[in-house]
Each structure stands twice: as structure tokens, then as C-alpha cells.
Amino acid sequence: MSKNRIVCTDQEPVHQPTSHAHIVSVGIGNDPSKADSKMTLGQVIAAIDAGDTFWTYGEGSKKWAQVHKVSCDRCGRTIIRSGPDAVKDNNLDSLRRCRWQ
């Protein structure tokens, strides 16, 4: 089992990131400005099912939030969501968008 920090996300559709976009891949690493590796949503869900944990970290708030797999309230797809903690900067939707090279 491993513990993984998510530092960025890719969402689709890109033009609706706050209305009904879903995370399709994430960047994993310790440096919030650069991901070391990329995982698809399917890989993250499989890893969670296997016992791995995923977290986000708010650089300003200094707070961690665990990431969970859930069913989307609007469409029923299995997605990932950060745990509710009333802190915005560790929310998956608030993380920067990944810049893959």
C-alpha cells in the first residue's frame, strides 16, 4: 500500500471545470509545481480499491485532505473527490491543471 500526493489534475470537459467536469487523470509527486508521474482516473480507482491512499495538500492552509472514490451525484459515474474539510486550497478542483510535456 502506498500513500500518494496529488499535485495537479486534468479534467474533461475542460471548458466546464466548475459546473460538471470530471477528473480524468492526476499528477502525483511531492513538488506542487511539478508532477513526477501521471495516473489515469481508472488507475487511481484501482489503486484505492487495492488499499493505496491519495491525498491533497493546501500550501496556504497547511492542511491535508484524503481523496475518495464516489459516485457522481449528477451522472452516476465513479469519480474521485477530496474529503470535505471547509478548506479550499486542498480541494481537488482547486489544484492547478497538469502541464504534461
N, C-alpha and C. Protein backbone atom coordinates (compact mmCIF):
# COMPACT_ATOMS: atom_id res chain seq x y z
N MET A 1 0.85 -1.18 0.00
CA MET A 1 0.00 0.00 0.00
C MET A 1 0.89 1.24 0.00
N SER A 2 0.51 2.21 -0.79
CA SER A 2 1.30 3.43 -0.86
C SER A 2 0.42 4.65 -0.59
N LYS A 3 1.09 5.70 -0.22
CA LYS A 3 0.43 6.98 0.03
C LYS A 3 0.90 7.94 -1.07
N ASN A 4 -0.03 8.55 -1.78
CA ASN A 4 0.28 9.36 -2.95
C ASN A 4 -0.30 10.76 -2.83
N ARG A 5 0.54 11.75 -3.08
CA ARG A 5 0.06 13.13 -3.07
C ARG A 5 -0.31 13.54 -4.49
N ILE A 6 -1.53 14.00 -4.67
CA ILE A 6 -1.98 14.54 -5.95
C ILE A 6 -1.63 16.02 -5.98
N VAL A 7 -0.89 16.44 -7.02
CA VAL A 7 -0.46 17.84 -7.11
C VAL A 7 -1.13 18.60 -8.25
N CYS A 8 -1.78 17.88 -9.18
CA CYS A 8 -2.47 18.55 -10.28
C CYS A 8 -3.51 17.61 -10.87
N THR A 9 -4.42 18.16 -11.66
CA THR A 9 -5.48 17.35 -12.27
C THR A 9 -5.68 17.72 -13.72
N ASP A 10 -6.20 16.78 -14.48
CA ASP A 10 -6.73 17.02 -15.83
C ASP A 10 -8.22 16.74 -15.74
N GLN A 11 -9.03 17.65 -16.29
CA GLN A 11 -10.47 17.48 -16.21
C GLN A 11 -11.09 17.56 -17.59
N GLU A 12 -12.19 16.86 -17.79
CA GLU A 12 -12.96 16.93 -19.03
C GLU A 12 -14.42 17.09 -18.68
N PRO A 13 -15.21 17.86 -19.40
CA PRO A 13 -14.72 18.75 -20.43
C PRO A 13 -13.98 19.93 -19.83
N VAL A 14 -12.93 20.32 -20.48
CA VAL A 14 -12.06 21.39 -19.97
C VAL A 14 -12.81 22.71 -19.83
N HIS A 15 -13.77 22.98 -20.72
CA HIS A 15 -14.48 24.26 -20.70
C HIS A 15 -15.52 24.36 -19.58
N GLN A 16 -15.73 23.31 -18.78
CA GLN A 16 -16.69 23.34 -17.68
C GLN A 16 -16.08 22.86 -16.38
N PRO A 17 -14.93 23.39 -15.98
CA PRO A 17 -14.26 22.82 -14.81
C PRO A 17 -15.01 22.98 -13.49
N THR A 18 -15.93 23.91 -13.40
CA THR A 18 -16.63 24.05 -12.12
C THR A 18 -18.11 23.68 -12.20
N SER A 19 -18.63 23.38 -13.39
CA SER A 19 -20.05 23.05 -13.47
C SER A 19 -20.28 21.54 -13.52
N HIS A 20 -19.62 20.83 -14.41
CA HIS A 20 -19.77 19.37 -14.42
C HIS A 20 -18.62 18.70 -15.17
N ALA A 21 -17.43 19.02 -14.80
CA ALA A 21 -16.27 18.33 -15.36
C ALA A 21 -15.88 17.21 -14.42
N HIS A 22 -15.20 16.22 -14.97
CA HIS A 22 -14.69 15.11 -14.17
C HIS A 22 -13.18 15.04 -14.32
N ILE A 23 -12.51 14.66 -13.26
CA ILE A 23 -11.07 14.45 -13.31
C ILE A 23 -10.83 13.16 -14.09
N VAL A 24 -9.97 13.25 -15.11
CA VAL A 24 -9.67 12.08 -15.93
C VAL A 24 -8.25 11.56 -15.69
N SER A 25 -7.38 12.39 -15.12
CA SER A 25 -6.04 11.96 -14.72
C SER A 25 -5.50 12.92 -13.68
N VAL A 26 -4.49 12.46 -12.96
CA VAL A 26 -3.88 13.29 -11.92
C VAL A 26 -2.36 13.19 -12.02
N GLY A 27 -1.70 14.19 -11.48
CA GLY A 27 -0.25 14.17 -11.36
C GLY A 27 0.10 13.86 -9.91
N ILE A 28 1.07 12.97 -9.73
CA ILE A 28 1.50 12.53 -8.41
C ILE A 28 2.91 13.05 -8.16
N GLY A 29 3.17 13.52 -6.94
CA GLY A 29 4.52 13.96 -6.60
C GLY A 29 4.54 14.70 -5.28
N ASN A 30 5.70 15.22 -4.94
CA ASN A 30 5.85 15.98 -3.70
C ASN A 30 5.99 17.48 -3.95
N ASP A 31 6.33 17.86 -5.16
CA ASP A 31 6.51 19.26 -5.53
C ASP A 31 5.22 19.74 -6.18
N PRO A 32 4.52 20.71 -5.57
CA PRO A 32 3.24 21.14 -6.13
C PRO A 32 3.35 21.79 -7.51
N SER A 33 4.55 22.17 -7.92
CA SER A 33 4.71 22.81 -9.23
C SER A 33 5.12 21.83 -10.33
N LYS A 34 5.35 20.55 -9.96
CA LYS A 34 5.79 19.58 -10.96
C LYS A 34 5.42 18.16 -10.52
N ALA A 35 4.63 17.50 -11.33
CA ALA A 35 4.26 16.12 -11.04
C ALA A 35 5.39 15.18 -11.47
N ASP A 36 5.62 14.13 -10.69
CA ASP A 36 6.61 13.13 -11.05
C ASP A 36 6.04 12.04 -11.95
N SER A 37 4.74 11.78 -11.81
CA SER A 37 4.11 10.74 -12.63
C SER A 37 2.64 11.07 -12.84
N LYS A 38 2.08 10.42 -13.84
CA LYS A 38 0.69 10.63 -14.20
C LYS A 38 -0.09 9.34 -13.98
N MET A 39 -1.29 9.47 -13.44
CA MET A 39 -2.18 8.32 -13.28
C MET A 39 -3.54 8.68 -13.85
N THR A 40 -4.14 7.75 -14.58
CA THR A 40 -5.50 7.96 -15.08
C THR A 40 -6.49 7.76 -13.94
N LEU A 41 -7.70 8.21 -14.16
CA LEU A 41 -8.76 8.01 -13.16
C LEU A 41 -8.91 6.52 -12.87
N GLY A 42 -8.91 5.69 -13.90
CA GLY A 42 -9.04 4.25 -13.71
C GLY A 42 -7.92 3.67 -12.86
N GLN A 43 -6.70 4.15 -13.06
CA GLN A 43 -5.57 3.67 -12.26
C GLN A 43 -5.71 4.10 -10.80
N VAL A 44 -6.18 5.33 -10.58
CA VAL A 44 -6.38 5.81 -9.20
C VAL A 44 -7.45 4.99 -8.50
N ILE A 45 -8.55 4.74 -9.17
CA ILE A 45 -9.64 3.96 -8.58
C ILE A 45 -9.17 2.55 -8.26
N ALA A 46 -8.44 1.92 -9.18
CA ALA A 46 -7.91 0.57 -8.94
C ALA A 46 -6.94 0.57 -7.76
N ALA A 47 -6.12 1.61 -7.66
CA ALA A 47 -5.17 1.70 -6.55
C ALA A 47 -5.89 1.89 -5.22
N ILE A 48 -6.94 2.71 -5.20
CA ILE A 48 -7.74 2.88 -3.97
C ILE A 48 -8.37 1.55 -3.58
N ASP A 49 -8.90 0.82 -4.57
CA ASP A 49 -9.50 -0.50 -4.30
C ASP A 49 -8.47 -1.47 -3.74
N ALA A 50 -7.20 -1.29 -4.13
CA ALA A 50 -6.13 -2.18 -3.66
C ALA A 50 -5.56 -1.75 -2.31
N GLY A 51 -6.06 -0.62 -1.77
CA GLY A 51 -5.63 -0.18 -0.45
C GLY A 51 -4.69 1.01 -0.43
N ASP A 52 -4.33 1.54 -1.61
CA ASP A 52 -3.48 2.74 -1.63
C ASP A 52 -4.30 3.96 -1.21
N THR A 53 -3.63 4.99 -0.72
CA THR A 53 -4.31 6.22 -0.34
C THR A 53 -3.79 7.37 -1.18
N PHE A 54 -4.65 8.33 -1.40
CA PHE A 54 -4.34 9.54 -2.16
C PHE A 54 -4.73 10.74 -1.34
N TRP A 55 -3.92 11.78 -1.41
CA TRP A 55 -4.10 12.98 -0.59
C TRP A 55 -3.83 14.22 -1.41
N THR A 56 -4.39 15.33 -0.98
CA THR A 56 -4.01 16.64 -1.48
C THR A 56 -3.51 17.44 -0.30
N TYR A 57 -2.78 18.50 -0.60
CA TYR A 57 -2.23 19.35 0.46
C TYR A 57 -2.39 20.80 0.06
N GLY A 58 -2.91 21.61 0.98
CA GLY A 58 -3.06 23.04 0.74
C GLY A 58 -1.81 23.78 1.18
N GLU A 59 -1.11 24.37 0.25
CA GLU A 59 0.12 25.09 0.57
C GLU A 59 -0.14 26.27 1.52
N GLY A 60 -1.27 26.93 1.36
CA GLY A 60 -1.60 28.06 2.23
C GLY A 60 -2.15 27.64 3.57
N SER A 61 -3.07 26.70 3.55
CA SER A 61 -3.72 26.25 4.79
C SER A 61 -2.87 25.26 5.57
N LYS A 62 -1.94 24.61 4.89
CA LYS A 62 -1.09 23.57 5.50
C LYS A 62 -1.93 22.37 5.97
N LYS A 63 -3.03 22.11 5.26
CA LYS A 63 -3.92 21.01 5.63
C LYS A 63 -3.98 19.97 4.51
N TRP A 64 -4.06 18.71 4.95
CA TRP A 64 -4.19 17.57 4.05
C TRP A 64 -5.66 17.20 3.91
N ALA A 65 -6.03 16.66 2.75
CA ALA A 65 -7.37 16.11 2.55
C ALA A 65 -7.25 14.77 1.85
N GLN A 66 -7.90 13.76 2.38
CA GLN A 66 -7.87 12.45 1.75
C GLN A 66 -8.78 12.45 0.52
N VAL A 67 -8.40 11.71 -0.50
CA VAL A 67 -9.18 11.59 -1.72
C VAL A 67 -9.92 10.24 -1.68
N HIS A 68 -11.20 10.29 -2.04
CA HIS A 68 -12.07 9.11 -2.01
C HIS A 68 -12.67 8.89 -3.38
N LYS A 69 -13.03 7.66 -3.67
CA LYS A 69 -13.83 7.40 -4.87
C LYS A 69 -15.29 7.48 -4.46
N VAL A 70 -16.09 8.09 -5.31
CA VAL A 70 -17.51 8.27 -5.03
C VAL A 70 -18.27 8.17 -6.35
N SER A 71 -19.58 8.10 -6.24
CA SER A 71 -20.44 8.14 -7.41
C SER A 71 -20.88 9.59 -7.64
N CYS A 72 -20.75 10.08 -8.86
CA CYS A 72 -21.17 11.44 -9.17
C CYS A 72 -22.67 11.59 -8.96
N ASP A 73 -23.06 12.63 -8.24
CA ASP A 73 -24.47 12.88 -7.96
C ASP A 73 -25.27 13.18 -9.23
N ARG A 74 -24.60 13.75 -10.23
CA ARG A 74 -25.30 14.17 -11.44
C ARG A 74 -25.39 13.10 -12.50
N CYS A 75 -24.34 12.28 -12.66
CA CYS A 75 -24.34 11.34 -13.78
C CYS A 75 -24.10 9.88 -13.37
N GLY A 76 -23.74 9.64 -12.12
CA GLY A 76 -23.57 8.29 -11.63
C GLY A 76 -22.21 7.65 -11.89
N ARG A 77 -21.33 8.32 -12.64
CA ARG A 77 -20.00 7.76 -12.91
C ARG A 77 -19.19 7.70 -11.61
N THR A 78 -18.27 6.75 -11.53
CA THR A 78 -17.35 6.69 -10.40
C THR A 78 -16.27 7.73 -10.63
N ILE A 79 -16.09 8.61 -9.66
CA ILE A 79 -15.13 9.70 -9.75
C ILE A 79 -14.32 9.74 -8.46
N ILE A 80 -13.38 10.67 -8.40
CA ILE A 80 -12.66 10.89 -7.15
C ILE A 80 -12.97 12.29 -6.64
N ARG A 81 -12.95 12.41 -5.32
CA ARG A 81 -13.29 13.69 -4.68
C ARG A 81 -12.48 13.80 -3.40
N SER A 82 -12.02 15.01 -3.11
CA SER A 82 -11.31 15.21 -1.84
C SER A 82 -12.33 15.30 -0.72
N GLY A 83 -11.92 14.88 0.45
CA GLY A 83 -12.81 14.90 1.61
C GLY A 83 -13.20 16.31 2.00
N PRO A 84 -14.42 16.50 2.46
CA PRO A 84 -14.87 17.84 2.86
C PRO A 84 -14.19 18.29 4.14
N ASP A 85 -13.60 19.47 4.10
CA ASP A 85 -12.95 19.99 5.30
C ASP A 85 -13.04 21.51 5.40
N ALA A 86 -13.82 22.13 4.52
CA ALA A 86 -14.03 23.59 4.52
C ALA A 86 -12.77 24.37 4.22
N VAL A 87 -11.79 23.72 3.60
CA VAL A 87 -10.56 24.40 3.20
C VAL A 87 -10.48 24.30 1.68
N LYS A 88 -10.39 25.43 1.02
CA LYS A 88 -10.44 25.43 -0.44
C LYS A 88 -9.14 24.98 -1.10
N ASP A 89 -7.99 25.36 -0.57
CA ASP A 89 -6.76 25.13 -1.32
C ASP A 89 -6.30 23.68 -1.36
N ASN A 90 -6.92 22.79 -0.58
CA ASN A 90 -6.56 21.38 -0.69
C ASN A 90 -7.64 20.58 -1.42
N ASN A 91 -8.60 21.27 -2.01
CA ASN A 91 -9.68 20.65 -2.76
C ASN A 91 -9.15 20.24 -4.14
N LEU A 92 -9.50 19.06 -4.61
CA LEU A 92 -9.04 18.61 -5.93
C LEU A 92 -9.35 19.63 -7.02
N ASP A 93 -10.53 20.24 -6.98
CA ASP A 93 -10.90 21.22 -8.00
C ASP A 93 -10.07 22.49 -7.93
N SER A 94 -9.42 22.74 -6.81
CA SER A 94 -8.62 23.95 -6.66
C SER A 94 -7.15 23.75 -7.04
N LEU A 95 -6.75 22.50 -7.22
CA LEU A 95 -5.36 22.25 -7.62
C LEU A 95 -5.12 22.76 -9.03
N ARG A 96 -3.87 23.04 -9.34
CA ARG A 96 -3.53 23.51 -10.68
C ARG A 96 -3.83 22.42 -11.70
N ARG A 97 -3.98 22.83 -12.94
CA ARG A 97 -4.14 21.88 -14.03
C ARG A 97 -2.74 21.36 -14.41
N CYS A 98 -2.67 20.09 -14.72
CA CYS A 98 -1.38 19.49 -15.07
C CYS A 98 -0.88 20.07 -16.40
N ARG A 99 0.42 20.19 -16.51
CA ARG A 99 1.07 20.66 -17.73
C ARG A 99 2.04 19.56 -18.17
N TRP A 100 1.53 18.58 -18.91
CA TRP A 100 2.36 17.45 -19.31
C TRP A 100 3.23 17.84 -20.49
N GLN A 101 4.44 17.33 -20.48
CA GLN A 101 5.37 17.63 -21.58
C GLN A 101 5.67 16.40 -22.37
